[in-house]
Amino acid sequence: MKTRRIVITGGPGSGKTSLIKYLEDKGYKVKEEISREVTLQAQKEGIDQLFLEKPILFSQKLLEGRLRQYLEGNDCVDKILFYDRGMPDVTAYMDFVNTEYPEYFSKTCIEHRYDEVFVLPPWKQIYKQDNERYESFDQAEKIFHFLKKGYTNFGYKIHEVPVGSIEDRAHYILRSLNE
């Protein structure tokens, strides 16, 4: 049995991580977002905002971490494995900030494919900025569009998850996966 690799992505503050946590609590296997971990590690090393100060290094660390998560998924025995963001998020964010990146970023995304991609739209009522989330809501909306375009450019069909309760959003995703 092949594990289905499912990406849940969206701009900052879209409810993505709460949805992933809900699915995990329901017994689904998940690979959690690693960008906060990368950011916090850089802050311990004296770099306040690694993405802003050294975007290529930040993105390289994210891509390496997400590739590691992807490869760990080879050992998964569950029917479904959810990822809180996927490798194409890295190139989409680089495109958002209009920064060139090495060709191997795209090559890695092409060579390691997910089975389905669900994108959560921006949701103003739940959006909050914090120490690791520095984007404004307007920027979150733009990132959402870059994510959709980025995944589409890699040949993915995008499922846009409607705004609603965590339960409704999870039901939408699970129902879509069973169709």
Protein backbone atom coordinates (compact mmCIF):
# COMPACT_ATOMS: atom_id res chain seq x y z
CA MET A 1 0.00 0.00 0.00
CA LYS A 2 1.35 3.41 -1.00
CA THR A 3 0.94 6.23 1.48
CA ARG A 4 -0.80 9.27 0.02
CA ARG A 5 1.21 12.43 0.65
CA ILE A 6 -1.11 15.38 1.24
CA VAL A 7 0.09 18.98 1.55
CA ILE A 8 -1.92 21.52 3.48
CA THR A 9 -0.63 25.00 2.80
CA GLY A 10 -1.72 28.61 2.86
CA GLY A 11 -0.52 32.06 3.66
CA PRO A 12 0.36 32.98 7.21
CA GLY A 13 -2.58 33.09 9.60
CA SER A 14 -4.94 31.02 7.46
CA GLY A 15 -5.64 28.41 10.16
CA LYS A 16 -3.37 25.83 8.56
CA THR A 17 -1.45 24.74 11.63
CA SER A 18 -4.63 24.46 13.74
CA LEU A 19 -6.15 22.28 11.03
CA ILE A 20 -3.06 20.07 10.91
CA LYS A 21 -3.15 19.72 14.71
CA TYR A 22 -6.84 18.75 14.53
CA LEU A 23 -6.10 16.04 11.95
CA GLU A 24 -3.23 14.77 14.09
CA ASP A 25 -5.52 14.64 17.14
CA LYS A 26 -7.93 12.55 15.02
CA GLY A 27 -5.18 9.98 14.52
CA TYR A 28 -3.72 11.02 11.16
CA LYS A 29 0.04 11.08 10.70
CA VAL A 30 1.46 14.55 10.09
CA LYS A 31 4.74 16.24 9.37
CA GLU A 32 4.69 19.58 11.15
CA GLU A 33 5.79 22.96 9.82
CA ILE A 34 9.48 23.61 10.34
CA SER A 35 9.84 27.32 9.51
CA ARG A 36 9.35 28.48 13.11
CA GLU A 37 11.97 25.95 14.21
CA VAL A 38 14.42 27.33 11.61
CA THR A 39 13.59 30.92 12.62
CA LEU A 40 13.99 30.24 16.35
CA GLN A 41 17.32 28.46 15.78
CA ALA A 42 18.60 31.44 13.79
CA GLN A 43 17.47 33.81 16.56
CA LYS A 44 19.49 31.75 19.06
CA GLU A 45 22.45 32.30 16.73
CA GLY A 46 21.86 36.08 16.71
CA ILE A 47 19.94 36.46 13.42
CA ASP A 48 16.61 38.10 14.22
CA GLN A 49 14.76 37.38 10.95
CA LEU A 50 16.71 34.83 8.89
CA PHE A 51 14.22 34.98 6.01
CA LEU A 52 14.62 38.75 5.73
CA GLU A 53 18.36 38.88 6.36
CA LYS A 54 19.50 35.77 4.47
CA PRO A 55 16.57 34.53 2.38
CA ILE A 56 18.57 31.96 0.39
CA LEU A 57 20.04 30.38 3.53
CA PHE A 58 16.63 30.33 5.22
CA SER A 59 15.00 28.81 2.15
CA GLN A 60 17.78 26.24 1.77
CA LYS A 61 17.27 25.14 5.39
CA LEU A 62 13.51 24.87 4.79
CA LEU A 63 13.95 22.91 1.58
CA GLU A 64 16.40 20.51 3.26
CA GLY A 65 14.04 20.02 6.20
CA ARG A 66 11.01 19.45 3.99
CA LEU A 67 12.95 17.05 1.78
CA ARG A 68 13.97 15.16 4.93
CA GLN A 69 10.29 15.02 5.96
CA TYR A 70 9.35 13.79 2.48
CA LEU A 71 11.97 11.03 2.58
CA GLU A 72 10.86 10.03 6.10
CA GLY A 73 7.42 9.57 4.55
CA ASN A 74 8.83 6.63 2.58
CA ASP A 75 8.67 4.63 5.82
CA CYS A 76 5.08 5.61 6.64
CA VAL A 77 2.63 2.70 6.74
CA ASP A 78 -0.51 4.82 7.12
CA LYS A 79 -2.86 5.42 4.20
CA ILE A 80 -2.49 9.20 4.46
CA LEU A 81 0.38 11.43 5.58
CA PHE A 82 -0.32 15.15 5.93
CA TYR A 83 2.40 17.77 5.49
CA ASP A 84 2.12 21.26 7.01
CA ARG A 85 3.54 22.94 3.89
CA GLY A 86 5.49 21.27 1.11
CA MET A 87 8.68 21.88 -0.81
CA PRO A 88 7.03 24.13 -3.45
CA ASP A 89 6.20 26.57 -0.64
CA VAL A 90 9.91 27.42 -0.60
CA THR A 91 10.04 28.53 -4.22
CA ALA A 92 6.67 30.30 -3.95
CA TYR A 93 7.95 32.41 -1.05
CA MET A 94 11.15 33.17 -2.95
CA ASP A 95 9.05 34.29 -5.91
CA PHE A 96 6.96 36.41 -3.52
CA VAL A 97 10.04 38.33 -2.40
CA ASN A 98 11.36 38.41 -5.98
CA THR A 99 14.60 36.62 -5.08
CA GLU A 100 16.40 34.28 -7.44
CA TYR A 101 17.23 30.86 -6.09
CA PRO A 102 19.38 27.95 -7.20
CA GLU A 103 17.97 25.66 -9.89
CA TYR A 104 18.13 22.68 -7.54
CA PHE A 105 15.28 24.22 -5.52
CA SER A 106 12.90 23.66 -8.45
CA LYS A 107 14.53 20.35 -9.37
CA THR A 108 13.93 19.05 -5.84
CA CYS A 109 10.26 20.05 -6.08
CA ILE A 110 9.89 18.32 -9.44
CA GLU A 111 11.59 15.09 -8.35
CA HIS A 112 9.66 14.68 -5.08
CA ARG A 113 5.93 14.93 -5.73
CA TYR A 114 2.99 15.00 -3.36
CA ASP A 115 -0.32 13.36 -4.21
CA GLU A 116 -2.71 16.21 -3.35
CA VAL A 117 -2.44 19.86 -2.36
CA PHE A 118 -4.97 21.77 -0.27
CA VAL A 119 -4.56 25.55 0.04
CA LEU A 120 -6.24 27.61 2.76
CA PRO A 121 -7.16 31.18 1.80
CA PRO A 122 -6.38 34.19 3.99
CA TRP A 123 -8.86 34.69 6.81
CA LYS A 124 -8.82 38.19 8.33
CA GLN A 125 -10.87 37.23 11.42
CA ILE A 126 -8.21 34.79 12.68
CA TYR A 127 -5.07 36.56 11.40
CA LYS A 128 -2.51 37.57 14.05
CA GLN A 129 1.08 38.77 13.77
CA ASP A 130 3.71 37.57 16.26
CA ASN A 131 7.50 37.33 16.65
CA GLU A 132 7.86 34.72 13.89
CA ARG A 133 4.96 35.93 11.69
CA TYR A 134 5.98 39.37 10.51
CA GLU A 135 3.80 39.62 7.37
CA SER A 136 0.82 41.96 7.22
CA PHE A 137 -2.59 40.61 6.24
CA ASP A 138 -2.20 42.18 2.78
CA GLN A 139 1.09 40.34 2.39
CA ALA A 140 -0.60 37.10 3.53
CA GLU A 141 -3.12 37.53 0.71
CA LYS A 142 -0.34 38.00 -1.83
CA ILE A 143 1.52 34.96 -0.47
CA PHE A 144 -1.66 32.91 -0.90
CA HIS A 145 -1.71 33.77 -4.60
CA PHE A 146 2.00 33.00 -4.99
CA LEU A 147 1.45 29.61 -3.31
CA LYS A 148 -1.40 28.76 -5.67
CA LYS A 149 0.63 29.83 -8.69
CA GLY A 150 3.76 28.04 -7.44
CA TYR A 151 2.04 24.68 -6.97
CA THR A 152 0.16 25.07 -10.25
CA ASN A 153 3.45 25.76 -12.05
CA PHE A 154 4.73 22.41 -10.75
CA GLY A 155 1.68 20.70 -12.25
CA TYR A 156 -0.47 20.31 -9.15
CA LYS A 157 -4.23 20.58 -9.11
CA ILE A 158 -5.08 22.86 -6.19
CA HIS A 159 -7.97 22.23 -3.81
CA GLU A 160 -8.96 25.52 -2.15
CA VAL A 161 -10.32 24.80 1.33
CA PRO A 162 -13.32 26.98 2.22
CA VAL A 163 -13.17 29.21 5.29
CA GLY A 164 -15.05 27.64 8.19
CA SER A 165 -14.67 25.70 11.40
CA ILE A 166 -11.71 23.37 11.79
CA GLU A 167 -14.12 20.44 11.70
CA ASP A 168 -15.72 21.65 8.44
CA ARG A 169 -12.33 22.21 6.85
CA ALA A 170 -11.08 18.77 7.90
CA HIS A 171 -14.29 17.19 6.58
CA TYR A 172 -13.82 18.98 3.25
CA ILE A 173 -10.28 17.63 2.90
CA LEU A 174 -11.14 14.08 3.95
CA ARG A 175 -14.21 14.00 1.72
CA SER A 176 -12.11 15.26 -1.22
CA LEU A 177 -9.54 12.53 -0.60
CA ASN A 178 -12.22 9.83 -0.65
CA GLU A 179 -13.76 10.96 -3.95
